[in-house]
Amino acid sequence: MLHILVRAIILLLDILIMVIAARAISSWLPISKEGAFFRILYQITDPLILPIRKQMQKTSFGQNMTLDFSPAIAILIIYILKNLVLYIL
């Protein structure tokens, strides 16, 4: 039973990584972000990305950045979480 729970958690974290990557890639594309797909994409990823972006803007490193590294940092945090789940369980 624990094995199934661990696999489900890892799967959810993997899906979250893909959704964050899709958001980052879509931000580079010259397409309208007004559709239902993008609304869902942003609703899923905003709770993770916005706090990271806000904290980065407070630092001297993040104030002068023209490129948003918050999706990459969110993915890094999720990878660390995945490894912790695998290590602990």
PDB file of N, CA and C in Angstrom:
ATOM      1  N   MET A   1       0.816  -1.199   0.000  1.00  0.00           N
ATOM      2  CA  MET A   1       0.000   0.000   0.000  1.00  0.00           C
ATOM      3  C   MET A   1       0.860   1.262   0.000  1.00  0.00           C
ATOM      4  N   LEU A   2       1.918   1.254   0.792  1.00  0.00           N
ATOM      5  CA  LEU A   2       2.809   2.403   0.852  1.00  0.00           C
ATOM      6  C   LEU A   2       3.491   2.627  -0.492  1.00  0.00           C
ATOM      7  N   HIS A   3       3.824   1.535  -1.165  1.00  0.00           N
ATOM      8  CA  HIS A   3       4.465   1.620  -2.478  1.00  0.00           C
ATOM      9  C   HIS A   3       3.562   2.340  -3.480  1.00  0.00           C
ATOM     10  N   ILE A   4       2.272   2.060  -3.437  1.00  0.00           N
ATOM     11  CA  ILE A   4       1.316   2.706  -4.341  1.00  0.00           C
ATOM     12  C   ILE A   4       1.210   4.195  -4.021  1.00  0.00           C
ATOM     13  N   LEU A   5       1.201   4.534  -2.740  1.00  0.00           N
ATOM     14  CA  LEU A   5       1.130   5.935  -2.330  1.00  0.00           C
ATOM     15  C   LEU A   5       2.362   6.704  -2.795  1.00  0.00           C
ATOM     16  N   VAL A   6       3.527   6.121  -2.624  1.00  0.00           N
ATOM     17  CA  VAL A   6       4.768   6.770  -3.058  1.00  0.00           C
ATOM     18  C   VAL A   6       4.754   6.979  -4.564  1.00  0.00           C
ATOM     19  N   ARG A   7       4.340   5.967  -5.308  1.00  0.00           N
ATOM     20  CA  ARG A   7       4.282   6.096  -6.769  1.00  0.00           C
ATOM     21  C   ARG A   7       3.293   7.175  -7.191  1.00  0.00           C
ATOM     22  N   ALA A   8       2.174   7.292  -6.485  1.00  0.00           N
ATOM     23  CA  ALA A   8       1.178   8.322  -6.804  1.00  0.00           C
ATOM     24  C   ALA A   8       1.736   9.720  -6.535  1.00  0.00           C
ATOM     25  N   ILE A   9       2.438   9.876  -5.422  1.00  0.00           N
ATOM     26  CA  ILE A   9       3.046  11.170  -5.096  1.00  0.00           C
ATOM     27  C   ILE A   9       4.085  11.545  -6.144  1.00  0.00           C
ATOM     28  N   ILE A  10       4.934  10.599  -6.512  1.00  0.00           N
ATOM     29  CA  ILE A  10       5.965  10.853  -7.521  1.00  0.00           C
ATOM     30  C   ILE A  10       5.323  11.200  -8.860  1.00  0.00           C
ATOM     31  N   LEU A  11       4.267  10.505  -9.222  1.00  0.00           N
ATOM     32  CA  LEU A  11       3.568  10.791 -10.476  1.00  0.00           C
ATOM     33  C   LEU A  11       2.984  12.203 -10.467  1.00  0.00           C
ATOM     34  N   LEU A  12       2.366  12.595  -9.367  1.00  0.00           N
ATOM     35  CA  LEU A  12       1.811  13.948  -9.265  1.00  0.00           C
ATOM     36  C   LEU A  12       2.900  15.011  -9.358  1.00  0.00           C
ATOM     37  N   LEU A  13       4.030  14.763  -8.722  1.00  0.00           N
ATOM     38  CA  LEU A  13       5.134  15.715  -8.803  1.00  0.00           C
ATOM     39  C   LEU A  13       5.692  15.790 -10.222  1.00  0.00           C
ATOM     40  N   ASP A  14       5.769  14.650 -10.914  1.00  0.00           N
ATOM     41  CA  ASP A  14       6.217  14.649 -12.310  1.00  0.00           C
ATOM     42  C   ASP A  14       5.256  15.428 -13.205  1.00  0.00           C
ATOM     43  N   ILE A  15       3.970  15.259 -12.988  1.00  0.00           N
ATOM     44  CA  ILE A  15       2.973  16.000 -13.768  1.00  0.00           C
ATOM     45  C   ILE A  15       3.103  17.496 -13.496  1.00  0.00           C
ATOM     46  N   LEU A  16       3.329  17.853 -12.247  1.00  0.00           N
ATOM     47  CA  LEU A  16       3.500  19.257 -11.889  1.00  0.00           C
ATOM     48  C   LEU A  16       4.724  19.855 -12.584  1.00  0.00           C
ATOM     49  N   ILE A  17       5.794  19.096 -12.666  1.00  0.00           N
ATOM     50  CA  ILE A  17       6.987  19.561 -13.377  1.00  0.00           C
ATOM     51  C   ILE A  17       6.660  19.816 -14.846  1.00  0.00           C
ATOM     52  N   MET A  18       5.917  18.909 -15.461  1.00  0.00           N
ATOM     53  CA  MET A  18       5.555  19.085 -16.873  1.00  0.00           C
ATOM     54  C   MET A  18       4.653  20.300 -17.074  1.00  0.00           C
ATOM     55  N   VAL A  19       3.747  20.542 -16.140  1.00  0.00           N
ATOM     56  CA  VAL A  19       2.853  21.693 -16.253  1.00  0.00           C
ATOM     57  C   VAL A  19       3.645  22.995 -16.109  1.00  0.00           C
ATOM     58  N   ILE A  20       4.584  23.036 -15.173  1.00  0.00           N
ATOM     59  CA  ILE A  20       5.422  24.225 -15.009  1.00  0.00           C
ATOM     60  C   ILE A  20       6.276  24.443 -16.254  1.00  0.00           C
ATOM     61  N   ALA A  21       6.828  23.378 -16.806  1.00  0.00           N
ATOM     62  CA  ALA A  21       7.621  23.496 -18.034  1.00  0.00           C
ATOM     63  C   ALA A  21       6.757  23.993 -19.190  1.00  0.00           C
ATOM     64  N   ALA A  22       5.534  23.506 -19.287  1.00  0.00           N
ATOM     65  CA  ALA A  22       4.623  23.967 -20.343  1.00  0.00           C
ATOM     66  C   ALA A  22       4.326  25.455 -20.186  1.00  0.00           C
ATOM     67  N   ARG A  23       4.164  25.895 -18.952  1.00  0.00           N
ATOM     68  CA  ARG A  23       3.924  27.327 -18.720  1.00  0.00           C
ATOM     69  C   ARG A  23       5.136  28.147 -19.132  1.00  0.00           C
ATOM     70  N   ALA A  24       6.318  27.698 -18.760  1.00  0.00           N
ATOM     71  CA  ALA A  24       7.529  28.442 -19.102  1.00  0.00           C
ATOM     72  C   ALA A  24       7.715  28.517 -20.616  1.00  0.00           C
ATOM     73  N   ILE A  25       7.525  27.409 -21.291  1.00  0.00           N
ATOM     74  CA  ILE A  25       7.688  27.389 -22.750  1.00  0.00           C
ATOM     75  C   ILE A  25       6.621  28.247 -23.420  1.00  0.00           C
ATOM     76  N   SER A  26       5.391  28.175 -22.934  1.00  0.00           N
ATOM     77  CA  SER A  26       4.315  28.965 -23.551  1.00  0.00           C
ATOM     78  C   SER A  26       4.537  30.461 -23.376  1.00  0.00           C
ATOM     79  N   SER A  27       5.260  30.853 -22.334  1.00  0.00           N
ATOM     80  CA  SER A  27       5.511  32.283 -22.133  1.00  0.00           C
ATOM     81  C   SER A  27       6.429  32.849 -23.211  1.00  0.00           C
ATOM     82  N   TRP A  28       7.195  32.004 -23.870  1.00  0.00           N
ATOM     83  CA  TRP A  28       8.086  32.457 -24.940  1.00  0.00           C
ATOM     84  C   TRP A  28       7.383  32.527 -26.289  1.00  0.00           C
ATOM     85  N   LEU A  29       6.226  31.899 -26.404  1.00  0.00           N
ATOM     86  CA  LEU A  29       5.532  31.822 -27.688  1.00  0.00           C
ATOM     87  C   LEU A  29       4.608  33.023 -27.886  1.00  0.00           C
ATOM     88  N   PRO A  30       4.559  33.544 -29.111  1.00  0.00           N
ATOM     89  CA  PRO A  30       3.696  34.705 -29.382  1.00  0.00           C
ATOM     90  C   PRO A  30       2.246  34.289 -29.637  1.00  0.00           C
ATOM     91  N   ILE A  31       1.618  33.718 -28.615  1.00  0.00           N
ATOM     92  CA  ILE A  31       0.228  33.273 -28.745  1.00  0.00           C
ATOM     93  C   ILE A  31      -0.599  33.895 -27.626  1.00  0.00           C
ATOM     94  N   SER A  32      -1.897  33.964 -27.844  1.00  0.00           N
ATOM     95  CA  SER A  32      -2.801  34.521 -26.844  1.00  0.00           C
ATOM     96  C   SER A  32      -2.894  33.573 -25.645  1.00  0.00           C
ATOM     97  N   LYS A  33      -2.842  34.144 -24.471  1.00  0.00           N
ATOM     98  CA  LYS A  33      -2.911  33.354 -23.238  1.00  0.00           C
ATOM     99  C   LYS A  33      -4.289  33.499 -22.575  1.00  0.00           C
ATOM    100  N   GLU A  34      -5.300  33.825 -23.370  1.00  0.00           N
ATOM    101  CA  GLU A  34      -6.634  34.091 -22.845  1.00  0.00           C
ATOM    102  C   GLU A  34      -7.539  32.862 -22.797  1.00  0.00           C
ATOM    103  N   GLY A  35      -7.133  31.758 -23.376  1.00  0.00           N
ATOM    104  CA  GLY A  35      -7.998  30.581 -23.464  1.00  0.00           C
ATOM    105  C   GLY A  35      -8.117  29.815 -22.160  1.00  0.00           C
ATOM    106  N   ALA A  36      -9.011  28.844 -22.162  1.00  0.00           N
ATOM    107  CA  ALA A  36      -9.263  28.020 -20.977  1.00  0.00           C
ATOM    108  C   ALA A  36      -8.027  27.208 -20.593  1.00  0.00           C
ATOM    109  N   PHE A  37      -7.291  26.728 -21.599  1.00  0.00           N
ATOM    110  CA  PHE A  37      -6.084  25.943 -21.320  1.00  0.00           C
ATOM    111  C   PHE A  37      -5.094  26.745 -20.487  1.00  0.00           C
ATOM    112  N   PHE A  38      -4.863  27.999 -20.878  1.00  0.00           N
ATOM    113  CA  PHE A  38      -3.896  28.822 -20.153  1.00  0.00           C
ATOM    114  C   PHE A  38      -4.417  29.248 -18.792  1.00  0.00           C
ATOM    115  N   ARG A  39      -5.724  29.447 -18.679  1.00  0.00           N
ATOM    116  CA  ARG A  39      -6.292  29.759 -17.358  1.00  0.00           C
ATOM    117  C   ARG A  39      -6.030  28.616 -16.385  1.00  0.00           C
ATOM    118  N   ILE A  40      -6.262  27.396 -16.834  1.00  0.00           N
ATOM    119  CA  ILE A  40      -6.022  26.223 -15.987  1.00  0.00           C
ATOM    120  C   ILE A  40      -4.535  26.088 -15.680  1.00  0.00           C
ATOM    121  N   LEU A  41      -3.708  26.287 -16.693  1.00  0.00           N
ATOM    122  CA  LEU A  41      -2.258  26.196 -16.530  1.00  0.00           C
ATOM    123  C   LEU A  41      -1.773  27.175 -15.459  1.00  0.00           C
ATOM    124  N   TYR A  42      -2.262  28.402 -15.524  1.00  0.00           N
ATOM    125  CA  TYR A  42      -1.845  29.413 -14.561  1.00  0.00           C
ATOM    126  C   TYR A  42      -2.450  29.156 -13.180  1.00  0.00           C
ATOM    127  N   GLN A  43      -3.674  28.647 -13.111  1.00  0.00           N
ATOM    128  CA  GLN A  43      -4.279  28.332 -11.813  1.00  0.00           C
ATOM    129  C   GLN A  43      -3.508  27.230 -11.097  1.00  0.00           C
ATOM    130  N   ILE A  44      -2.981  26.294 -11.854  1.00  0.00           N
ATOM    131  CA  ILE A  44      -2.217  25.197 -11.251  1.00  0.00           C
ATOM    132  C   ILE A  44      -0.844  25.672 -10.798  1.00  0.00           C
ATOM    133  N   THR A  45      -0.188  26.498 -11.606  1.00  0.00           N
ATOM    134  CA  THR A  45       1.206  26.852 -11.340  1.00  0.00           C
ATOM    135  C   THR A  45       1.396  28.126 -10.530  1.00  0.00           C
ATOM    136  N   ASP A  46       0.433  29.032 -10.538  1.00  0.00           N
ATOM    137  CA  ASP A  46       0.590  30.289  -9.799  1.00  0.00           C
ATOM    138  C   ASP A  46       0.895  30.109  -8.315  1.00  0.00           C
ATOM    139  N   PRO A  47       0.244  29.181  -7.602  1.00  0.00           N
ATOM    140  CA  PRO A  47       0.568  29.029  -6.176  1.00  0.00           C
ATOM    141  C   PRO A  47       2.028  28.653  -5.911  1.00  0.00           C
ATOM    142  N   LEU A  48       2.696  28.082  -6.888  1.00  0.00           N
ATOM    143  CA  LEU A  48       4.111  27.736  -6.723  1.00  0.00           C
ATOM    144  C   LEU A  48       5.029  28.832  -7.238  1.00  0.00           C
ATOM    145  N   ILE A  49       4.715  29.364  -8.400  1.00  0.00           N
ATOM    146  CA  ILE A  49       5.630  30.285  -9.066  1.00  0.00           C
ATOM    147  C   ILE A  49       5.578  31.696  -8.479  1.00  0.00           C
ATOM    148  N   LEU A  50       4.402  32.193  -8.165  1.00  0.00           N
ATOM    149  CA  LEU A  50       4.291  33.576  -7.694  1.00  0.00           C
ATOM    150  C   LEU A  50       5.042  33.849  -6.387  1.00  0.00           C
ATOM    151  N   PRO A  51       4.972  32.977  -5.371  1.00  0.00           N
ATOM    152  CA  PRO A  51       5.767  33.243  -4.160  1.00  0.00           C
ATOM    153  C   PRO A  51       7.279  33.225  -4.423  1.00  0.00           C
ATOM    154  N   ILE A  52       7.715  32.346  -5.303  1.00  0.00           N
ATOM    155  CA  ILE A  52       9.142  32.295  -5.642  1.00  0.00           C
ATOM    156  C   ILE A  52       9.539  33.577  -6.361  1.00  0.00           C
ATOM    157  N   ARG A  53       8.721  34.006  -7.315  1.00  0.00           N
ATOM    158  CA  ARG A  53       8.997  35.240  -8.056  1.00  0.00           C
ATOM    159  C   ARG A  53       9.041  36.437  -7.111  1.00  0.00           C
ATOM    160  N   LYS A  54       8.107  36.477  -6.167  1.00  0.00           N
ATOM    161  CA  LYS A  54       8.049  37.582  -5.209  1.00  0.00           C
ATOM    162  C   LYS A  54       9.312  37.621  -4.344  1.00  0.00           C
ATOM    163  N   GLN A  55       9.762  36.458  -3.884  1.00  0.00           N
ATOM    164  CA  GLN A  55      10.977  36.406  -3.069  1.00  0.00           C
ATOM    165  C   GLN A  55      12.210  36.787  -3.879  1.00  0.00           C
ATOM    166  N   MET A  56      12.241  36.378  -5.136  1.00  0.00           N
ATOM    167  CA  MET A  56      13.389  36.722  -5.983  1.00  0.00           C
ATOM    168  C   MET A  56      13.458  38.222  -6.242  1.00  0.00           C
ATOM    169  N   GLN A  57      12.312  38.875  -6.392  1.00  0.00           N
ATOM    170  CA  GLN A  57      12.295  40.310  -6.648  1.00  0.00           C
ATOM    171  C   GLN A  57      12.786  41.106  -5.451  1.00  0.00           C
ATOM    172  N   LYS A  58      12.721  40.518  -4.274  1.00  0.00           N
ATOM    173  CA  LYS A  58      13.201  41.190  -3.066  1.00  0.00           C
ATOM    174  C   LYS A  58      14.722  41.191  -2.974  1.00  0.00           C
ATOM    175  N   THR A  59      15.376  40.276  -3.688  1.00  0.00           N
ATOM    176  CA  THR A  59      16.828  40.182  -3.616  1.00  0.00           C
ATOM    177  C   THR A  59      17.470  41.109  -4.639  1.00  0.00           C
ATOM    178  N   SER A  60      18.717  41.453  -4.405  1.00  0.00           N
ATOM    179  CA  SER A  60      19.435  42.292  -5.373  1.00  0.00           C
ATOM    180  C   SER A  60      19.666  41.531  -6.674  1.00  0.00           C
ATOM    181  N   PHE A  61      19.776  40.220  -6.593  1.00  0.00           N
ATOM    182  CA  PHE A  61      19.953  39.394  -7.796  1.00  0.00           C
ATOM    183  C   PHE A  61      18.702  39.428  -8.667  1.00  0.00           C
ATOM    184  N   GLY A  62      17.541  39.358  -8.061  1.00  0.00           N
ATOM    185  CA  GLY A  62      16.298  39.255  -8.810  1.00  0.00           C
ATOM    186  C   GLY A  62      15.730  40.570  -9.301  1.00  0.00           C
ATOM    187  N   GLN A  63      16.159  41.680  -8.731  1.00  0.00           N
ATOM    188  CA  GLN A  63      15.595  42.974  -9.111  1.00  0.00           C
ATOM    189  C   GLN A  63      15.952  43.371 -10.534  1.00  0.00           C
ATOM    190  N   ASN A  64      17.115  43.022 -10.982  1.00  0.00           N
ATOM    191  CA  ASN A  64      17.584  43.454 -12.295  1.00  0.00           C
ATOM    192  C   ASN A  64      17.458  42.377 -13.357  1.00  0.00           C
ATOM    193  N   MET A  65      16.719  41.323 -13.066  1.00  0.00           N
ATOM    194  CA  MET A  65      16.603  40.209 -14.005  1.00  0.00           C
ATOM    195  C   MET A  65      15.531  40.490 -15.053  1.00  0.00           C
ATOM    196  N   THR A  66      15.885  40.246 -16.308  1.00  0.00           N
ATOM    197  CA  THR A  66      14.887  40.348 -17.369  1.00  0.00           C
ATOM    198  C   THR A  66      14.308  38.975 -17.694  1.00  0.00           C
ATOM    199  N   LEU A  67      15.004  37.932 -17.289  1.00  0.00           N
ATOM    200  CA  LEU A  67      14.545  36.563 -17.502  1.00  0.00           C
ATOM    201  C   LEU A  67      14.006  36.022 -16.180  1.00  0.00           C
ATOM    202  N   ASP A  68      12.835  35.418 -16.217  1.00  0.00           N
ATOM    203  CA  ASP A  68      12.181  34.905 -15.013  1.00  0.00           C
ATOM    204  C   ASP A  68      12.672  33.484 -14.725  1.00  0.00           C
ATOM    205  N   PHE A  69      13.403  33.335 -13.633  1.00  0.00           N
ATOM    206  CA  PHE A  69      13.923  32.029 -13.241  1.00  0.00           C
ATOM    207  C   PHE A  69      13.002  31.294 -12.271  1.00  0.00           C
ATOM    208  N   SER A  70      11.867  31.883 -11.905  1.00  0.00           N
ATOM    209  CA  SER A  70      10.996  31.248 -10.915  1.00  0.00           C
ATOM    210  C   SER A  70      10.467  29.879 -11.353  1.00  0.00           C
ATOM    211  N   PRO A  71      10.139  29.628 -12.636  1.00  0.00           N
ATOM    212  CA  PRO A  71       9.743  28.263 -13.001  1.00  0.00           C
ATOM    213  C   PRO A  71      10.878  27.249 -12.809  1.00  0.00           C
ATOM    214  N   ALA A  72      12.093  27.649 -13.137  1.00  0.00           N
ATOM    215  CA  ALA A  72      13.232  26.740 -12.965  1.00  0.00           C
ATOM    216  C   ALA A  72      13.468  26.443 -11.490  1.00  0.00           C
ATOM    217  N   ILE A  73      13.327  27.438 -10.648  1.00  0.00           N
ATOM    218  CA  ILE A  73      13.503  27.232  -9.210  1.00  0.00           C
ATOM    219  C   ILE A  73      12.382  26.354  -8.661  1.00  0.00           C
ATOM    220  N   ALA A  74      11.159  26.557  -9.149  1.00  0.00           N
ATOM    221  CA  ALA A  74      10.034  25.711  -8.720  1.00  0.00           C
ATOM    222  C   ALA A  74      10.282  24.255  -9.100  1.00  0.00           C
ATOM    223  N   ILE A  75      10.782  24.033 -10.308  1.00  0.00           N
ATOM    224  CA  ILE A  75      11.091  22.666 -10.745  1.00  0.00           C
ATOM    225  C   ILE A  75      12.195  22.071  -9.883  1.00  0.00           C
ATOM    226  N   LEU A  76      13.202  22.861  -9.557  1.00  0.00           N
ATOM    227  CA  LEU A  76      14.283  22.386  -8.690  1.00  0.00           C
ATOM    228  C   LEU A  76      13.743  21.992  -7.314  1.00  0.00           C
ATOM    229  N   ILE A  77      12.856  22.794  -6.765  1.00  0.00           N
ATOM    230  CA  ILE A  77      12.254  22.484  -5.464  1.00  0.00           C
ATOM    231  C   ILE A  77      11.451  21.186  -5.538  1.00  0.00           C
ATOM    232  N   ILE A  78      10.726  20.997  -6.630  1.00  0.00           N
ATOM    233  CA  ILE A  78       9.940  19.766  -6.789  1.00  0.00           C
ATOM    234  C   ILE A  78      10.858  18.555  -6.905  1.00  0.00           C
ATOM    235  N   TYR A  79      11.974  18.690  -7.633  1.00  0.00           N
ATOM    236  CA  TYR A  79      12.938  17.585  -7.716  1.00  0.00           C
ATOM    237  C   TYR A  79      13.496  17.235  -6.341  1.00  0.00           C
ATOM    238  N   ILE A  80      13.787  18.236  -5.548  1.00  0.00           N
ATOM    239  CA  ILE A  80      14.277  17.986  -4.191  1.00  0.00           C
ATOM    240  C   ILE A  80      13.204  17.271  -3.371  1.00  0.00           C
ATOM    241  N   LEU A  81      11.957  17.722  -3.504  1.00  0.00           N
ATOM    242  CA  LEU A  81      10.845  17.056  -2.813  1.00  0.00           C
ATOM    243  C   LEU A  81      10.713  15.602  -3.233  1.00  0.00           C
ATOM    244  N   LYS A  82      10.820  15.355  -4.536  1.00  0.00           N
ATOM    245  CA  LYS A  82      10.743  13.975  -5.034  1.00  0.00           C
ATOM    246  C   LYS A  82      11.823  13.106  -4.410  1.00  0.00           C
ATOM    247  N   ASN A  83      13.032  13.624  -4.368  1.00  0.00           N
ATOM    248  CA  ASN A  83      14.129  12.853  -3.789  1.00  0.00           C
ATOM    249  C   ASN A  83      13.921  12.616  -2.300  1.00  0.00           C
ATOM    250  N   LEU A  84      13.374  13.600  -1.600  1.00  0.00           N
ATOM    251  CA  LEU A  84      13.081  13.410  -0.178  1.00  0.00           C
ATOM    252  C   LEU A  84      12.023  12.334   0.024  1.00  0.00           C
ATOM    253  N   VAL A  85      10.989  12.357  -0.797  1.00  0.00           N
ATOM    254  CA  VAL A  85       9.938  11.335  -0.692  1.00  0.00           C
ATOM    255  C   VAL A  85      10.527   9.954  -0.940  1.00  0.00           C
ATOM    256  N   LEU A  86      11.344   9.839  -1.970  1.00  0.00           N
ATOM    257  CA  LEU A  86      11.951   8.541  -2.281  1.00  0.00           C
ATOM    258  C   LEU A  86      12.911   8.086  -1.185  1.00  0.00           C
ATOM    259  N   TYR A  87      13.638   9.026  -0.596  1.00  0.00           N
ATOM    260  CA  TYR A  87      14.605   8.681   0.442  1.00  0.00           C
ATOM    261  C   TYR A  87      13.909   8.285   1.745  1.00  0.00           C
ATOM    262  N   ILE A  88      12.899   9.060   2.123  1.00  0.00           N
ATOM    263  CA  ILE A  88      12.213   8.815   3.392  1.00  0.00           C
ATOM    264  C   ILE A  88      11.325   7.578   3.322  1.00  0.00           C
ATOM    265  N   LEU A  89      10.607   7.434   2.211  1.00  0.00           N
ATOM    266  CA  LEU A  89       9.677   6.321   2.113  1.00  0.00           C
ATOM    267  C   LEU A  89      10.312   5.213   1.313  1.00  0.00           C
TER     268      LEU A  89
END
